[in-house]
Protein backbone atom coordinates (compact mmCIF):
# COMPACT_ATOMS: atom_id res chain seq x y z
CA MET A 1 160.91 84.69 46.46
CA TYR A 2 162.27 84.96 42.88
CA PHE A 3 158.80 85.99 41.68
CA ILE A 4 158.45 88.72 44.32
CA ILE A 5 161.91 90.20 43.63
CA ASN A 6 161.67 90.10 39.84
CA ASN A 7 158.12 91.33 39.20
CA ASP A 8 156.46 94.72 39.35
CA PRO A 9 154.02 95.59 42.18
CA ASP A 10 150.92 95.38 39.93
CA SER A 11 151.73 91.81 38.93
CA ILE A 12 152.26 90.82 42.56
CA ILE A 13 148.92 92.41 43.56
CA ASN A 14 147.10 90.63 40.71
CA ILE A 15 148.56 87.21 41.47
CA THR A 16 148.06 87.59 45.23
CA SER A 17 144.39 88.56 44.77
CA LEU A 18 143.79 85.61 42.47
CA LEU A 19 145.48 83.15 44.83
CA HIS A 20 143.43 84.52 47.73
CA SER A 21 140.22 84.07 45.74
CA ILE A 22 141.20 80.49 44.83
CA ARG A 23 141.94 79.71 48.47
CA GLN A 24 138.58 81.18 49.52
CA THR A 25 136.86 79.01 46.89
CA ARG A 26 138.65 75.92 48.21
CA ASN A 27 137.53 76.72 51.77
CA GLN A 28 133.93 77.19 50.64
CA LYS A 29 134.02 73.77 49.00
CA ILE A 30 135.64 72.02 51.98
CA PHE A 31 133.77 73.68 54.83
CA GLU A 32 130.43 74.66 53.25
CA ASN A 33 130.23 72.26 50.27
CA ILE A 34 129.66 75.23 47.94
CA ASN A 35 130.79 74.95 44.33
CA VAL A 36 131.93 78.38 43.14
CA PRO A 37 132.00 78.90 39.33
CA GLY A 38 135.32 79.88 37.79
CA GLU A 39 134.00 83.25 36.63
CA ILE A 40 133.08 84.13 40.23
CA VAL A 41 136.64 83.33 41.31
CA ILE A 42 137.92 85.81 38.71
CA GLN A 43 135.29 88.44 39.61
CA ARG A 44 136.18 88.14 43.28
CA ALA A 45 139.87 88.66 42.52
CA ASP A 46 139.07 91.64 40.26
CA SER A 47 136.94 93.17 43.01
CA SER A 48 139.75 92.79 45.56
CA ILE A 49 142.21 94.47 43.20
CA LEU A 50 139.78 97.34 42.55
CA ASN A 51 139.15 97.87 46.28
CA TYR A 52 142.89 97.84 46.98
CA ARG A 53 143.60 100.45 44.31
CA LYS A 54 140.69 102.66 45.36
CA ALA A 55 141.87 102.53 48.96
CA HIS A 56 145.35 103.66 47.96
CA LEU A 57 143.99 106.71 46.14
CA ILE A 58 143.18 108.33 49.50
CA ASP A 59 145.90 110.55 50.93
CA PRO A 60 146.14 109.71 54.67
CA ASP A 61 147.32 113.26 55.42
CA SER A 62 143.99 114.63 54.17
CA LEU A 63 141.87 112.52 56.50
CA ASP A 64 139.89 114.05 59.35
CA ASP A 65 141.57 113.85 62.79
CA SER A 66 138.41 114.56 64.77
CA PRO A 67 137.07 111.76 67.02
CA PRO A 68 133.97 109.71 66.05
CA ILE A 69 130.66 111.36 66.93
CA SER A 70 127.10 110.09 66.97
CA ASN A 71 124.76 110.63 64.02
CA GLN A 72 122.48 113.00 65.93
CA HIS A 73 125.33 115.45 66.60
CA LYS A 74 127.10 115.04 63.26
CA PRO A 75 127.16 118.19 61.10
CA ARG A 76 125.42 117.86 57.74
CA VAL A 77 127.64 118.42 54.71
CA PRO A 78 125.66 118.14 51.45
CA ASN A 79 126.77 115.37 49.05
CA GLN A 80 129.88 114.50 51.03
CA VAL A 81 130.83 111.76 53.49
CA LYS A 82 134.28 112.22 54.96
CA TRP A 83 136.05 109.21 56.45
CA LYS A 84 137.12 109.79 60.06
CA LYS A 85 140.17 108.25 61.63
CA PRO A 86 139.54 105.80 64.47
CA GLU A 87 140.75 106.37 68.00
CA LYS A 88 144.46 105.84 68.69
CA ASP A 89 145.63 102.22 68.31
CA PHE A 90 142.27 101.18 66.84
CA ILE A 91 141.61 99.64 63.43
CA LYS A 92 138.47 100.89 61.69
CA LEU A 93 136.66 98.49 59.37
CA ASN A 94 134.13 99.98 56.95
CA SER A 95 131.75 97.51 55.34
CA ASP A 96 129.10 97.95 52.65
CA ALA A 97 126.72 95.81 50.60
CA ASN A 98 125.37 96.32 47.07
CA LEU A 99 122.85 94.27 45.09
CA SER A 100 123.56 93.44 41.44
CA SER A 101 120.90 93.15 38.74
CA THR A 102 121.30 89.36 38.93
CA GLY A 103 120.32 89.22 42.60
CA LEU A 104 123.87 88.63 43.80
CA TRP A 105 125.03 90.68 46.78
CA GLY A 106 128.52 92.12 46.66
CA ILE A 107 129.91 92.82 50.14
CA GLY A 108 133.24 94.45 50.91
CA VAL A 109 135.29 95.60 53.87
CA VAL A 110 138.29 97.95 54.14
CA ALA A 111 140.42 98.18 57.30
CA ARG A 112 142.53 101.24 58.11
CA ASN A 113 144.61 102.18 61.12
CA ASP A 114 144.54 105.41 63.14
CA GLU A 115 146.83 107.09 60.61
CA GLY A 116 144.51 106.27 57.73
CA PHE A 117 146.73 103.66 56.14
CA LEU A 118 145.18 100.58 54.53
CA MET A 119 145.74 97.47 56.64
CA ALA A 120 143.58 94.92 54.80
CA SER A 121 140.56 94.56 52.52
CA LYS A 122 138.30 91.78 51.32
CA THR A 123 135.16 91.17 49.26
CA TRP A 124 132.47 88.48 49.20
CA LEU A 125 129.63 87.48 46.87
CA ARG A 126 126.46 86.04 48.37
CA HIS A 127 123.12 84.72 47.07
CA GLY A 128 119.90 84.41 49.04
CA ILE A 129 119.98 87.48 51.29
CA PRO A 130 116.42 88.87 51.51
CA CYS A 131 117.06 92.60 52.08
CA ALA A 132 119.68 95.34 52.36
CA THR A 133 119.59 95.42 56.17
CA THR A 134 120.31 91.69 56.38
CA ALA A 135 123.08 92.04 53.78
CA GLU A 136 124.70 94.87 55.77
CA ALA A 137 124.51 92.75 58.95
CA TRP A 138 126.04 89.77 57.15
CA GLY A 139 128.80 92.10 55.91
CA ILE A 140 129.64 93.18 59.47
CA TYR A 141 129.63 89.54 60.56
CA GLN A 142 132.15 88.68 57.83
CA ALA A 143 134.15 91.81 58.68
CA MET A 144 134.43 90.65 62.30
CA ILE A 145 135.65 87.21 61.26
CA PHE A 146 138.10 88.90 58.88
CA ALA A 147 139.34 91.26 61.63
CA SER A 148 139.84 88.33 63.99
CA ASP A 149 141.75 86.39 61.32
CA CYS A 150 143.97 89.46 60.78
CA GLY A 151 144.78 89.55 64.48
CA PHE A 152 143.30 93.00 65.12
CA SER A 153 142.67 93.64 68.82
CA LYS A 154 141.06 97.10 69.11
CA VAL A 155 138.45 97.51 66.39
CA GLN A 156 135.75 99.91 65.25
CA PHE A 157 133.14 98.68 62.78
CA GLU A 158 131.32 101.30 60.72
CA SER A 159 128.25 100.88 58.50
CA ASP A 160 125.72 103.21 56.88
CA ASN A 161 122.85 101.00 58.08
CA GLU A 162 121.67 102.67 61.28
CA ARG A 163 119.23 99.87 62.15
CA VAL A 164 121.97 97.23 62.21
CA ILE A 165 124.19 99.41 64.39
CA LYS A 166 121.32 100.05 66.81
CA LEU A 167 120.72 96.30 67.05
CA LEU A 168 124.38 95.72 67.80
CA ASN A 169 124.33 98.43 70.45
CA GLY A 170 121.39 96.99 72.36
CA THR A 171 118.08 97.19 70.47
CA LYS A 172 116.32 93.81 70.57
CA GLU A 173 115.54 91.75 67.46
CA ASP A 174 113.64 88.46 67.23
CA ASN A 175 116.47 85.93 66.96
CA ARG A 176 114.14 83.51 65.20
CA LEU A 177 114.43 85.77 62.16
CA TYR A 178 117.44 85.53 59.83
CA LEU A 179 118.53 89.07 60.75
CA GLY A 180 118.25 88.33 64.47
CA SER A 181 120.39 85.22 64.13
CA ILE A 182 123.09 87.18 62.31
CA ILE A 183 123.07 89.83 65.03
CA ASP A 184 123.50 87.09 67.65
CA SER A 185 126.39 85.64 65.63
CA ILE A 186 128.07 89.06 65.45
CA LEU A 187 127.76 89.60 69.19
CA SER A 188 129.19 86.14 69.86
CA LEU A 189 132.43 87.31 68.21
CA TRP A 190 132.82 90.29 70.56
CA SER A 191 135.11 88.31 72.85
CA HIS A 192 137.64 87.92 70.02
CA PHE A 193 138.74 91.53 70.59
CA SER A 194 140.06 93.48 73.54
CA GLN A 195 137.84 96.43 72.50
CA CYS A 196 135.04 96.51 69.94
CA ILE A 197 132.89 99.51 68.93
CA PHE A 198 130.09 99.90 66.35
CA PHE A 199 129.31 103.20 64.56
CA SER A 200 126.86 104.25 61.87
CA TYR A 201 127.02 107.07 59.34
CA SER A 202 124.68 108.35 56.66
CA LYS A 203 125.37 108.38 52.92
CA ASP A 204 122.15 110.24 52.13
CA TRP A 205 123.34 113.79 52.71
């Protein structure tokens, strides 16, 4: 309590992100027997701090109030993707995956409420994912676990990977494949929420 009262917000954010990354590393060792190098712990904390600060640069009053619409009816706006607020009382979780030059996937999720305010965010690093579609699916899977851990009840998950969203909304995939097994794992988490919706959007405008 003394630390929280007597330190500036940036210091609190930095320490909290580092402690969260250390706790995540501990859990990976205990539950998955994964040894995470110290530099990854620091990178993960830095990534969380960066995501938090980026999220707070958005002015909630400037966000679009219009309801979510499907890709085929969405107007095309060149070189711009505008975040849309979720339906009332919903939390929207946007996830994305990016591959580094070292073959390490960086995956992140940001959760906002129906007023556009940041509720939570988290990042992961993952080796061994064969393709972008599988990485995006794994990101949604982690986002669902994260949303459940946060206690969110009404959730919307949004990704720019249309194939993954189609699979989650009913298109069949061979569950013997790695992607198919991840899709099955995602769908098994559906019951954790009172309402759960999946949307896709395009970044290539």
